[in-house]
């Protein structure tokens, strides 16, 4: 089956971007190089095409009740414009997907899901919705989306796009009129820096992209999106979360409100918490310049005790670091481990998963 293309695809090709499959889409991996694009976001401002992400609208009298039931975080009684991060879980506790829930109105919720999971998620949400008085709409084809990220983003979005955004707090959103249509702007960021996401029609996204690039904003590909989110300790579905990895094993238990409410997968997570975890995602820093990659074994005394889920030579810190799923006996900070890279092993030490101090505007 052919990969999909976003509404900005032709612009990526015209810019000479390296295009590669990701989540069922042909996406730009880099334009110039990953290091320059990464540093542009850390130091100034970069823009990402994230139109491949999925959007699902849930409306109706029981929309809050329904979303709270399929979502691990607790959205009950939240103010309009609030955004929540969390997961949808299988009854086993494994993760269907991690997502953002935007509370637009008391009976209108906007769910932002991962591109690779759109079909799976929509089918799963629709199936769960049968027992509730709600309407589920897959709006993924309707919206284009850009993520504008970096310390200079607020000033640029206001000046270049004429979109007022400075009053938005971290993890909030609003709707406003832009060139005759209603758009959504939010302030979350998946890079560890301050940033905004803009959702609107394909036509408007093309115009916004052009304006930002004309103003000198650096176009950034998915390559540096991964290095940025990784340094900031943020998970990627399929690596640190999956159908087989629970929120607790991923170290994201803070977003699973086991004591506060009922949700799909809650009982399994409660049982797992009570029994104690058998494994967990941790950070590891290598005492060498060798680069750990996803899938490399983590060992102690020649015995495999885990596996790398994401690894890089961190661009911002110039350290060889990774996150890995390891057996519970080795999750304490300071634990000595080894990463096997082909035929050699390299010593490492268990650290926190966040390798870079985030700069969100809170």
Protein backbone atom coordinates (compact mmCIF):
# COMPACT_ATOMS: atom_id res chain seq x y z
CA UNK A 1 0.00 0.00 0.00
CA UNK A 2 1.30 3.46 -0.88
CA UNK A 3 2.19 5.82 1.93
CA UNK A 4 0.03 8.89 2.51
CA UNK A 5 1.37 12.40 2.04
CA UNK A 6 0.63 15.50 4.08
CA UNK A 7 -0.69 18.72 2.56
CA UNK A 8 2.84 20.17 2.78
CA UNK A 9 4.56 17.29 0.96
CA UNK A 10 5.30 19.24 -2.24
CA UNK A 11 6.96 22.00 -0.21
CA UNK A 12 9.25 19.47 1.48
CA UNK A 13 10.29 18.08 -1.91
CA UNK A 14 10.90 21.60 -3.26
CA UNK A 15 13.16 22.31 -0.26
CA UNK A 16 15.20 19.20 -1.03
CA UNK A 17 14.17 17.36 2.13
CA UNK A 18 15.21 13.76 2.71
CA UNK A 19 11.87 11.93 2.56
CA UNK A 20 11.31 8.62 4.32
CA UNK A 21 8.31 6.50 5.43
CA UNK A 22 7.02 7.17 8.94
CA UNK A 23 3.72 6.01 10.43
CA UNK A 24 2.27 5.28 6.99
CA UNK A 25 3.27 8.70 5.58
CA UNK A 26 6.12 9.93 3.39
CA UNK A 27 7.64 12.48 5.78
CA UNK A 28 10.65 14.84 5.78
CA UNK A 29 13.42 13.44 7.97
CA UNK A 30 15.78 16.38 7.48
CA UNK A 31 16.28 19.41 5.25
CA UNK A 32 19.87 20.54 5.96
CA UNK A 33 21.07 18.24 8.73
CA UNK A 34 19.70 16.99 12.01
CA UNK A 35 22.24 18.85 14.19
CA UNK A 36 21.51 22.27 12.69
CA UNK A 37 17.75 21.74 12.85
CA UNK A 38 17.97 20.44 16.44
CA UNK A 39 20.02 23.48 17.51
CA UNK A 40 17.65 25.88 15.74
CA UNK A 41 14.83 24.65 18.00
CA UNK A 42 16.99 24.77 21.14
CA UNK A 43 18.31 28.27 20.40
CA UNK A 44 15.71 30.12 18.28
CA UNK A 45 12.74 28.67 16.38
CA UNK A 46 11.95 25.76 14.10
CA UNK A 47 8.76 24.56 12.41
CA UNK A 48 7.66 20.95 11.93
CA UNK A 49 5.02 19.55 9.59
CA UNK A 50 3.00 17.32 11.92
CA UNK A 51 -0.05 17.06 9.66
CA UNK A 52 0.37 13.28 9.78
CA UNK A 53 -0.96 13.25 13.35
CA UNK A 54 -4.53 12.06 13.81
CA UNK A 55 -7.43 14.10 15.20
CA UNK A 56 -10.63 12.64 16.63
CA UNK A 57 -13.58 14.75 17.78
CA UNK A 58 -15.83 13.38 20.53
CA UNK A 59 -19.11 15.22 21.16
CA UNK A 60 -22.41 14.53 22.88
CA UNK A 61 -24.06 14.46 26.31
CA UNK A 62 -21.75 11.75 27.69
CA UNK A 63 -18.55 12.91 26.02
CA UNK A 64 -16.72 13.81 29.25
CA UNK A 65 -17.78 10.55 30.91
CA UNK A 66 -16.73 8.56 27.85
CA UNK A 67 -13.35 10.22 27.33
CA UNK A 68 -12.57 9.84 31.04
CA UNK A 69 -13.37 6.12 30.77
CA UNK A 70 -11.02 5.43 27.82
CA UNK A 71 -8.26 7.79 29.07
CA UNK A 72 -5.85 7.19 31.95
CA UNK A 73 -5.64 10.83 33.07
CA UNK A 74 -8.55 12.55 34.87
CA UNK A 75 -10.33 15.24 32.84
CA UNK A 76 -13.48 15.47 34.98
CA UNK A 77 -14.57 19.04 35.68
CA UNK A 78 -11.57 20.62 33.94
CA UNK A 79 -11.94 24.15 32.51
CA UNK A 80 -12.49 24.63 28.78
CA UNK A 81 -9.20 25.06 26.94
CA UNK A 82 -7.28 22.64 29.18
CA UNK A 83 -5.13 19.92 27.60
CA UNK A 84 -4.22 16.59 29.19
CA UNK A 85 -1.54 14.04 28.32
CA UNK A 86 -2.25 10.39 28.97
CA UNK A 87 -2.88 7.01 27.43
CA UNK A 88 -5.65 4.73 26.24
CA UNK A 89 -5.09 1.23 27.60
CA UNK A 90 -6.18 -2.29 26.79
CA UNK A 91 -7.88 -4.19 29.64
CA UNK A 92 -4.47 -5.88 30.12
CA UNK A 93 -2.84 -2.50 30.90
CA UNK A 94 -0.83 -2.35 27.66
CA UNK A 95 -1.12 0.93 25.77
CA UNK A 96 -3.38 1.39 22.74
CA UNK A 97 -1.79 4.81 22.21
CA UNK A 98 -0.57 7.86 24.08
CA UNK A 99 -2.40 11.05 23.18
CA UNK A 100 -3.44 14.58 24.05
CA UNK A 101 -7.02 15.36 25.04
CA UNK A 102 -8.14 18.94 24.41
CA UNK A 103 -11.23 19.97 26.36
CA UNK A 104 -12.82 22.48 23.97
CA UNK A 105 -16.26 22.64 25.66
CA UNK A 106 -18.09 20.53 28.27
CA UNK A 107 -19.45 18.27 25.51
CA UNK A 108 -16.66 18.59 22.91
CA UNK A 109 -13.27 16.93 23.17
CA UNK A 110 -10.48 16.97 20.59
CA UNK A 111 -8.16 13.96 20.75
CA UNK A 112 -4.72 14.10 19.07
CA UNK A 113 -3.34 10.64 18.32
CA UNK A 114 -0.22 9.19 16.71
CA UNK A 115 -0.07 8.89 12.91
CA UNK A 116 0.93 5.22 12.94
CA UNK A 117 -2.09 4.37 15.11
CA UNK A 118 -4.89 6.37 13.43
CA UNK A 119 -6.83 3.42 12.02
CA UNK A 120 -6.29 1.26 15.12
CA UNK A 121 -7.22 4.09 17.50
CA UNK A 122 -10.33 5.20 15.62
CA UNK A 123 -11.61 1.61 15.45
CA UNK A 124 -10.91 1.11 19.16
CA UNK A 125 -12.49 4.43 20.24
CA UNK A 126 -15.54 3.79 18.05
CA UNK A 127 -16.01 0.32 19.54
CA UNK A 128 -15.83 1.64 23.14
CA UNK A 129 -18.23 4.48 22.27
CA UNK A 130 -21.13 2.11 21.54
CA UNK A 131 -22.14 2.08 25.22
CA UNK A 132 -22.19 5.90 25.51
CA UNK A 133 -24.31 8.75 24.15
CA UNK A 134 -21.50 10.27 22.08
CA UNK A 135 -20.53 10.93 18.47
CA UNK A 136 -16.99 10.01 17.34
CA UNK A 137 -15.61 11.72 14.22
CA UNK A 138 -12.26 10.97 12.63
CA UNK A 139 -11.12 14.44 11.49
CA UNK A 140 -7.57 13.44 10.55
CA UNK A 141 -8.09 14.25 6.86
CA UNK A 142 -9.61 17.64 7.67
CA UNK A 143 -6.68 19.17 9.52
CA UNK A 144 -3.16 20.18 8.66
CA UNK A 145 -0.90 20.86 11.62
CA UNK A 146 2.40 22.60 12.25
CA UNK A 147 4.42 22.64 15.47
CA UNK A 148 6.41 25.87 15.94
CA UNK A 149 9.04 25.28 18.61
CA UNK A 150 11.84 27.14 20.36
CA UNK A 151 12.55 30.04 22.74
CA UNK A 152 11.63 32.71 20.14
CA UNK A 153 8.36 31.04 19.10
CA UNK A 154 5.90 33.21 21.02
CA UNK A 155 7.21 36.42 19.51
CA UNK A 156 7.30 34.92 16.00
CA UNK A 157 3.77 33.49 16.09
CA UNK A 158 2.40 36.86 17.24
CA UNK A 159 4.46 39.03 14.86
CA UNK A 160 4.69 36.89 11.72
CA UNK A 161 1.33 35.13 11.81
CA UNK A 162 -0.63 37.76 13.71
CA UNK A 163 -1.99 35.04 16.00
CA UNK A 164 -2.26 36.20 19.64
CA UNK A 165 -0.81 33.44 21.80
CA UNK A 166 1.19 34.89 24.69
CA UNK A 167 -1.72 34.53 27.12
CA UNK A 168 -1.88 30.76 26.57
CA UNK A 169 -0.53 28.82 29.55
CA UNK A 170 1.37 25.54 29.21
CA UNK A 171 -1.04 22.74 28.18
CA UNK A 172 -3.89 25.03 27.19
CA UNK A 173 -5.51 25.82 23.85
CA UNK A 174 -8.02 28.15 22.22
CA UNK A 175 -9.97 28.57 19.01
CA UNK A 176 -9.83 31.77 17.00
CA UNK A 177 -10.64 33.15 13.57
CA UNK A 178 -7.79 33.15 11.05
CA UNK A 179 -8.42 34.23 7.44
CA UNK A 180 -12.10 33.40 7.66
CA UNK A 181 -11.83 30.00 9.33
CA UNK A 182 -11.77 28.72 12.90
CA UNK A 183 -8.38 27.34 13.88
CA UNK A 184 -7.00 25.76 17.05
CA UNK A 185 -3.74 26.84 18.67
CA UNK A 186 -2.23 25.09 21.68
CA UNK A 187 0.91 25.36 23.80
CA UNK A 188 2.36 21.95 24.59
CA UNK A 189 5.56 21.14 22.69
CA UNK A 190 7.23 17.78 22.12
CA UNK A 191 10.77 19.14 22.12
CA UNK A 192 11.48 20.33 25.66
CA UNK A 193 11.20 23.93 24.47
CA UNK A 194 8.35 26.44 24.49
CA UNK A 195 6.16 25.93 21.46
CA UNK A 196 2.77 26.05 19.80
CA UNK A 197 0.72 23.70 17.64
CA UNK A 198 -1.64 25.12 15.02
CA UNK A 199 -4.48 23.05 13.55
CA UNK A 200 -6.36 24.36 10.51
CA UNK A 201 -7.32 23.63 6.89
CA UNK A 202 -4.72 22.38 4.41
CA UNK A 203 -4.86 25.70 2.58
CA UNK A 204 -4.23 27.74 5.73
CA UNK A 205 -1.40 25.43 6.88
CA UNK A 206 0.37 25.97 3.54
CA UNK A 207 0.06 29.74 3.98
CA UNK A 208 1.31 29.59 7.58
CA UNK A 209 4.27 27.42 6.56
CA UNK A 210 5.24 29.87 3.82
CA UNK A 211 5.01 32.88 6.14
CA UNK A 212 7.16 31.23 8.80
CA UNK A 213 9.87 30.18 6.34
CA UNK A 214 9.86 33.63 4.72
CA UNK A 215 10.51 35.08 8.19
CA UNK A 216 13.56 32.86 8.63
CA UNK A 217 12.06 30.09 10.76
CA UNK A 218 14.04 26.88 10.16
CA UNK A 219 12.11 23.93 8.65
CA UNK A 220 12.76 20.85 10.78
CA UNK A 221 12.31 17.17 9.99
CA UNK A 222 11.32 14.17 12.06
CA UNK A 223 14.99 13.34 12.64
CA UNK A 224 15.53 16.21 15.05
CA UNK A 225 11.99 15.86 16.38
CA UNK A 226 13.16 12.51 17.72
CA UNK A 227 16.48 13.78 19.13
CA UNK A 228 14.69 16.71 20.81
CA UNK A 229 11.89 14.67 22.42
CA UNK A 230 14.38 11.99 23.49
CA UNK A 231 16.65 14.47 25.33
CA UNK A 232 13.60 15.91 27.09
CA UNK A 233 12.60 12.46 28.39
CA UNK A 234 9.43 12.24 26.29
CA UNK A 235 8.23 8.81 25.06
CA UNK A 236 7.58 7.68 21.50
CA UNK A 237 4.88 5.10 20.87
CA UNK A 238 6.38 1.90 19.51
CA UNK A 239 9.56 2.50 21.50
CA UNK A 240 8.86 3.47 25.14
CA UNK A 241 5.13 2.61 24.95
CA UNK A 242 3.31 -0.19 23.12
CA UNK A 243 0.49 -2.72 23.28
CA UNK A 244 2.82 -4.75 25.55
CA UNK A 245 4.29 -1.90 27.65
CA UNK A 246 2.14 -0.38 30.41
CA UNK A 247 2.24 3.26 31.59
CA UNK A 248 3.79 2.10 34.87
CA UNK A 249 6.61 0.23 33.11
CA UNK A 250 7.22 3.33 30.97
CA UNK A 251 7.58 5.45 34.12
CA UNK A 252 4.41 7.40 33.29
CA UNK A 253 2.31 6.34 36.25
CA UNK A 254 1.68 9.99 37.14
CA UNK A 255 -0.64 10.13 34.12
CA UNK A 256 -2.60 7.03 35.15
CA UNK A 257 -5.07 8.04 37.87
CA UNK A 258 -5.56 4.58 39.34
CA UNK A 259 -6.85 5.82 42.72
CA UNK A 260 -8.98 8.68 41.40
CA UNK A 261 -11.26 7.00 38.85
CA UNK A 262 -12.19 4.00 36.74
CA UNK A 263 -10.86 3.57 33.21
CA UNK A 264 -10.17 0.73 30.78
CA UNK A 265 -7.06 -1.06 32.03
CA UNK A 266 -7.24 0.38 35.54
CA UNK A 267 -7.65 -2.99 37.29
CA UNK A 268 -4.64 -4.44 35.48
CA UNK A 269 -2.51 -1.41 36.36
CA UNK A 270 -3.65 -1.49 39.99
CA UNK A 271 -2.69 -5.18 40.20
CA UNK A 272 0.66 -4.52 38.55
CA UNK A 273 1.37 -1.67 40.97
CA UNK A 274 0.47 -3.83 43.98
CA UNK A 275 2.54 -6.77 42.80
CA UNK A 276 5.49 -4.57 41.89
CA UNK A 277 7.01 -4.04 38.47
CA UNK A 278 9.18 -6.74 36.93
CA UNK A 279 10.77 -4.26 34.50
CA UNK A 280 10.91 -0.52 33.83
CA UNK A 281 12.19 2.08 31.35
CA UNK A 282 15.33 3.86 32.64
CA UNK A 283 17.96 6.25 31.32
CA UNK A 284 21.53 5.04 30.75
CA UNK A 285 24.65 7.10 30.10
CA UNK A 286 27.61 5.38 28.43
CA UNK A 287 31.12 6.05 29.66
CA UNK A 288 32.26 6.19 26.03
CA UNK A 289 31.51 7.88 22.71
CA UNK A 290 29.90 4.74 21.25
CA UNK A 291 26.26 5.28 20.28
CA UNK A 292 23.58 2.96 21.69
CA UNK A 293 20.71 2.27 19.29
CA UNK A 294 17.20 0.84 19.67
CA UNK A 295 17.31 -2.93 20.00
CA UNK A 296 20.84 -3.17 21.44
CA UNK A 297 21.08 -5.51 24.46
CA UNK A 298 21.67 -4.19 27.98
CA UNK A 299 23.82 -6.64 29.95
CA UNK A 300 25.31 -7.27 33.39
CA UNK A 301 28.19 -9.74 33.62
CA UNK A 302 27.42 -11.08 30.15
CA UNK A 303 23.74 -11.74 30.89
CA UNK A 304 21.10 -9.70 29.03
CA UNK A 305 18.89 -7.77 31.48
CA UNK A 306 17.18 -5.41 29.04
CA UNK A 307 17.08 -3.70 25.67
CA UNK A 308 17.58 -0.15 24.39
CA UNK A 309 14.36 1.53 23.16
CA UNK A 310 15.92 4.82 21.93
CA UNK A 311 19.56 5.94 21.90
CA UNK A 312 21.68 8.80 20.54
CA UNK A 313 24.80 10.83 20.99
CA UNK A 314 22.85 13.68 22.61
CA UNK A 315 23.23 16.81 20.47
CA UNK A 316 22.59 19.27 23.29
CA UNK A 317 24.85 17.61 25.87
CA UNK A 318 27.37 15.71 23.69
CA UNK A 319 26.90 12.55 25.76
CA UNK A 320 26.12 9.00 24.60
CA UNK A 321 22.79 8.22 26.25
CA UNK A 322 19.78 5.98 25.80
CA UNK A 323 16.58 4.83 27.40
CA UNK A 324 16.09 1.12 27.87
CA UNK A 325 13.66 -1.41 29.32
CA UNK A 326 15.51 -3.30 32.04
CA UNK A 327 14.72 -5.89 34.71
CA UNK A 328 13.64 -4.41 38.06
CA UNK A 329 16.86 -5.42 39.85
CA UNK A 330 18.74 -2.85 37.77
CA UNK A 331 16.48 0.24 37.81
CA UNK A 332 18.09 2.14 40.69
CA UNK A 333 20.00 5.32 39.78
CA UNK A 334 23.74 4.67 39.68
CA UNK A 335 23.46 0.97 38.79
CA UNK A 336 26.35 -0.21 36.60
CA UNK A 337 25.31 -1.89 33.34
CA UNK A 338 26.78 -2.55 29.88
CA UNK A 339 25.44 -1.95 26.38
CA UNK A 340 26.41 -4.49 23.73
CA UNK A 341 27.18 -2.77 20.44
CA UNK A 342 27.91 -5.49 17.91
CA UNK A 343 30.76 -7.59 19.38
CA UNK A 344 31.88 -5.14 22.07
CA UNK A 345 30.34 -4.10 25.37
CA UNK A 346 30.51 -0.55 26.74
CA UNK A 347 30.05 0.35 30.42
CA UNK A 348 27.12 2.54 31.37
CA UNK A 349 25.30 3.86 34.41
CA UNK A 350 21.56 4.10 35.10
CA UNK A 351 20.39 7.74 35.17
CA UNK A 352 17.19 9.75 34.97
CA UNK A 353 15.39 9.55 31.59
CA UNK A 354 15.53 13.31 31.06
CA UNK A 355 18.97 14.20 29.71
CA UNK A 356 18.25 17.88 29.04
CA UNK A 357 16.66 20.56 31.24
CA UNK A 358 13.38 21.52 29.60
CA UNK A 359 12.42 25.15 28.96
CA UNK A 360 8.63 25.12 28.83
CA UNK A 361 6.93 28.42 29.61
CA UNK A 362 4.80 27.58 32.64
